[in-house]
Amino acid sequence: CNDFDSGLTGMCYRDYEKGRDAWVANKLGRALEKFEAGLSSDFAAGDHVTVADFKLYEELDKSRIIEPGCLGPYPRLSAFMVRVAALPRITAYMASGDCIERPLNNPHAQFK
């Protein structure tokens, strides 16, 4: 997940317009296939939520923002996103004024 995050974040700070298409074509699908294959239970590390789930959720959420619809071919990842968002404390946080959906990156990033 960290390698995926590094590539995604780096792309947002470099030439985003050129880098985005290459990232979607060469990196996104391969990573989503691996994440889908590795998700064999409700959560990343089994049947109970762990900190790994929040990192995976963050990466998948960023991916959906950059490439809407990208999770469509991945039913386990799509269901995972629904499960995490439905956790009571996550639902409450997302509904609160503390939740900031954007920007994803610092002001000097090309994609925020």
C-alpha atoms as a PDB file:
ATOM      1  CA  CYS A   1       0.000   0.000   0.000  1.00  0.00           C
ATOM      2  CA  ASN A   2       2.884   2.359   0.774  1.00  0.00           C
ATOM      3  CA  ASP A   3       4.507   1.907  -2.652  1.00  0.00           C
ATOM      4  CA  PHE A   4       1.156   2.612  -4.276  1.00  0.00           C
ATOM      5  CA  ASP A   5       0.707   5.731  -2.124  1.00  0.00           C
ATOM      6  CA  SER A   6       4.197   7.000  -2.966  1.00  0.00           C
ATOM      7  CA  GLY A   7       3.539   6.695  -6.687  1.00  0.00           C
ATOM      8  CA  LEU A   8       0.094   8.259  -6.462  1.00  0.00           C
ATOM      9  CA  THR A   9       1.253  11.171  -4.307  1.00  0.00           C
ATOM     10  CA  GLY A  10       4.391  11.749  -6.384  1.00  0.00           C
ATOM     11  CA  MET A  11       2.305  11.922  -9.539  1.00  0.00           C
ATOM     12  CA  CYS A  12       0.184  14.661  -7.966  1.00  0.00           C
ATOM     13  CA  TYR A  13       3.280  16.803  -7.349  1.00  0.00           C
ATOM     14  CA  ARG A  14       5.006  16.305 -10.706  1.00  0.00           C
ATOM     15  CA  ASP A  15       3.525  16.919 -14.150  1.00  0.00           C
ATOM     16  CA  TYR A  16       0.072  15.726 -13.167  1.00  0.00           C
ATOM     17  CA  GLU A  17      -1.622  16.174 -16.525  1.00  0.00           C
ATOM     18  CA  LYS A  18       0.913  13.932 -18.298  1.00  0.00           C
ATOM     19  CA  GLY A  19       1.557  11.653 -15.354  1.00  0.00           C
ATOM     20  CA  ARG A  20      -2.087  10.919 -14.615  1.00  0.00           C
ATOM     21  CA  ASP A  21      -2.769   9.084 -17.873  1.00  0.00           C
ATOM     22  CA  ALA A  22       0.364   6.974 -17.514  1.00  0.00           C
ATOM     23  CA  TRP A  23      -0.430   6.237 -13.855  1.00  0.00           C
ATOM     24  CA  VAL A  24      -3.966   5.133 -14.704  1.00  0.00           C
ATOM     25  CA  ALA A  25      -2.794   3.021 -17.642  1.00  0.00           C
ATOM     26  CA  ASN A  26       0.259   1.426 -16.013  1.00  0.00           C
ATOM     27  CA  LYS A  27      -0.181   1.435 -12.252  1.00  0.00           C
ATOM     28  CA  LEU A  28      -3.775   1.779 -11.097  1.00  0.00           C
ATOM     29  CA  GLY A  29      -5.299  -1.357 -12.584  1.00  0.00           C
ATOM     30  CA  ARG A  30      -2.396  -3.574 -11.538  1.00  0.00           C
ATOM     31  CA  ALA A  31      -2.541  -2.283  -7.979  1.00  0.00           C
ATOM     32  CA  LEU A  32      -6.313  -2.653  -7.744  1.00  0.00           C
ATOM     33  CA  GLU A  33      -6.057  -6.238  -9.018  1.00  0.00           C
ATOM     34  CA  LYS A  34      -3.541  -7.025  -6.261  1.00  0.00           C
ATOM     35  CA  PHE A  35      -5.642  -5.338  -3.591  1.00  0.00           C
ATOM     36  CA  GLU A  36      -8.752  -7.174  -4.809  1.00  0.00           C
ATOM     37  CA  ALA A  37      -6.965 -10.541  -4.781  1.00  0.00           C
ATOM     38  CA  GLY A  38      -5.539  -9.920  -1.303  1.00  0.00           C
ATOM     39  CA  LEU A  39      -8.859  -8.975   0.259  1.00  0.00           C
ATOM     40  CA  SER A  40     -10.193 -12.401   1.189  1.00  0.00           C
ATOM     41  CA  SER A  41     -12.270 -11.347   4.194  1.00  0.00           C
ATOM     42  CA  ASP A  42     -14.260  -8.312   5.301  1.00  0.00           C
ATOM     43  CA  PHE A  43     -11.177  -6.304   6.220  1.00  0.00           C
ATOM     44  CA  ALA A  44      -7.528  -6.152   5.181  1.00  0.00           C
ATOM     45  CA  ALA A  45      -6.225  -8.302   8.033  1.00  0.00           C
ATOM     46  CA  GLY A  46      -9.236 -10.531   8.674  1.00  0.00           C
ATOM     47  CA  ASP A  47     -12.702 -10.180  10.109  1.00  0.00           C
ATOM     48  CA  HIS A  48     -11.970  -7.170  12.320  1.00  0.00           C
ATOM     49  CA  VAL A  49     -11.015  -3.634  11.391  1.00  0.00           C
ATOM     50  CA  THR A  50      -7.368  -2.628  11.898  1.00  0.00           C
ATOM     51  CA  VAL A  51      -5.278   0.417  11.068  1.00  0.00           C
ATOM     52  CA  ALA A  52      -4.433  -1.222   7.721  1.00  0.00           C
ATOM     53  CA  ASP A  53      -8.046  -0.802   6.660  1.00  0.00           C
ATOM     54  CA  PHE A  54      -7.896   2.951   7.071  1.00  0.00           C
ATOM     55  CA  LYS A  55      -4.768   3.211   4.930  1.00  0.00           C
ATOM     56  CA  LEU A  56      -6.293   1.018   2.224  1.00  0.00           C
ATOM     57  CA  TYR A  57      -9.516   3.026   2.366  1.00  0.00           C
ATOM     58  CA  GLU A  58      -7.573   6.270   1.958  1.00  0.00           C
ATOM     59  CA  GLU A  59      -5.686   4.966  -1.086  1.00  0.00           C
ATOM     60  CA  LEU A  60      -8.816   3.631  -2.740  1.00  0.00           C
ATOM     61  CA  ASP A  61     -10.678   6.856  -2.036  1.00  0.00           C
ATOM     62  CA  LYS A  62      -7.906   8.931  -3.629  1.00  0.00           C
ATOM     63  CA  SER A  63      -7.977   6.584  -6.601  1.00  0.00           C
ATOM     64  CA  ARG A  64     -11.740   7.121  -7.001  1.00  0.00           C
ATOM     65  CA  ILE A  65     -11.213  10.880  -7.002  1.00  0.00           C
ATOM     66  CA  ILE A  66      -8.456  10.720  -9.618  1.00  0.00           C
ATOM     67  CA  GLU A  67     -10.182   8.083 -11.767  1.00  0.00           C
ATOM     68  CA  PRO A  68     -13.932   7.950 -11.035  1.00  0.00           C
ATOM     69  CA  GLY A  69     -15.407   4.505 -11.548  1.00  0.00           C
ATOM     70  CA  CYS A  70     -12.065   2.731 -11.160  1.00  0.00           C
ATOM     71  CA  LEU A  71     -13.409   0.392  -8.467  1.00  0.00           C
ATOM     72  CA  GLY A  72     -16.303  -0.780 -10.648  1.00  0.00           C
ATOM     73  CA  PRO A  73     -14.550  -3.964 -11.840  1.00  0.00           C
ATOM     74  CA  TYR A  74     -13.510  -4.857  -8.282  1.00  0.00           C
ATOM     75  CA  PRO A  75     -16.497  -6.031  -6.226  1.00  0.00           C
ATOM     76  CA  ARG A  76     -14.508  -6.902  -3.094  1.00  0.00           C
ATOM     77  CA  LEU A  77     -12.849  -3.486  -3.008  1.00  0.00           C
ATOM     78  CA  SER A  78     -16.163  -1.756  -3.634  1.00  0.00           C
ATOM     79  CA  ALA A  79     -17.804  -3.697  -0.794  1.00  0.00           C
ATOM     80  CA  PHE A  80     -14.813  -2.965   1.436  1.00  0.00           C
ATOM     81  CA  MET A  81     -15.245   0.768   0.858  1.00  0.00           C
ATOM     82  CA  VAL A  82     -18.914   0.533   1.848  1.00  0.00           C
ATOM     83  CA  ARG A  83     -18.060  -1.501   4.977  1.00  0.00           C
ATOM     84  CA  VAL A  84     -15.414   0.940   6.193  1.00  0.00           C
ATOM     85  CA  ALA A  85     -17.567   3.999   5.480  1.00  0.00           C
ATOM     86  CA  ALA A  86     -20.408   2.338   7.421  1.00  0.00           C
ATOM     87  CA  LEU A  87     -18.373   1.946  10.619  1.00  0.00           C
ATOM     88  CA  PRO A  88     -20.247   4.110  13.164  1.00  0.00           C
ATOM     89  CA  ARG A  89     -17.310   6.337  14.096  1.00  0.00           C
ATOM     90  CA  ILE A  90     -16.301   6.783  10.453  1.00  0.00           C
ATOM     91  CA  THR A  91     -19.875   7.637   9.477  1.00  0.00           C
ATOM     92  CA  ALA A  92     -20.041  10.195  12.297  1.00  0.00           C
ATOM     93  CA  TYR A  93     -16.688  11.705  11.322  1.00  0.00           C
ATOM     94  CA  MET A  94     -17.606  11.980   7.641  1.00  0.00           C
ATOM     95  CA  ALA A  95     -20.847  13.740   8.586  1.00  0.00           C
ATOM     96  CA  SER A  96     -19.075  16.185  10.904  1.00  0.00           C
ATOM     97  CA  GLY A  97     -17.557  19.546  10.149  1.00  0.00           C
ATOM     98  CA  ASP A  98     -14.135  18.052  10.955  1.00  0.00           C
ATOM     99  CA  CYS A  99     -14.096  15.945   7.791  1.00  0.00           C
ATOM    100  CA  ILE A 100     -12.214  17.637   4.947  1.00  0.00           C
ATOM    101  CA  GLU A 101     -12.649  15.779   1.669  1.00  0.00           C
ATOM    102  CA  ARG A 102     -10.319  18.013  -0.340  1.00  0.00           C
ATOM    103  CA  PRO A 103      -7.580  19.046  -0.854  1.00  0.00           C
ATOM    104  CA  LEU A 104      -5.773  15.732  -0.926  1.00  0.00           C
ATOM    105  CA  ASN A 105      -2.352  17.365  -1.075  1.00  0.00           C
ATOM    106  CA  ASN A 106      -0.509  20.523  -0.071  1.00  0.00           C
ATOM    107  CA  PRO A 107      -1.210  23.783  -1.915  1.00  0.00           C
ATOM    108  CA  HIS A 108       1.865  23.438  -4.163  1.00  0.00           C
ATOM    109  CA  ALA A 109       0.709  20.086  -5.596  1.00  0.00           C
ATOM    110  CA  GLN A 110      -0.590  20.132  -9.163  1.00  0.00           C
ATOM    111  CA  PHE A 111      -3.537  17.947  -8.178  1.00  0.00           C
ATOM    112  CA  LYS A 112      -5.280  18.795  -4.962  1.00  0.00           C
END
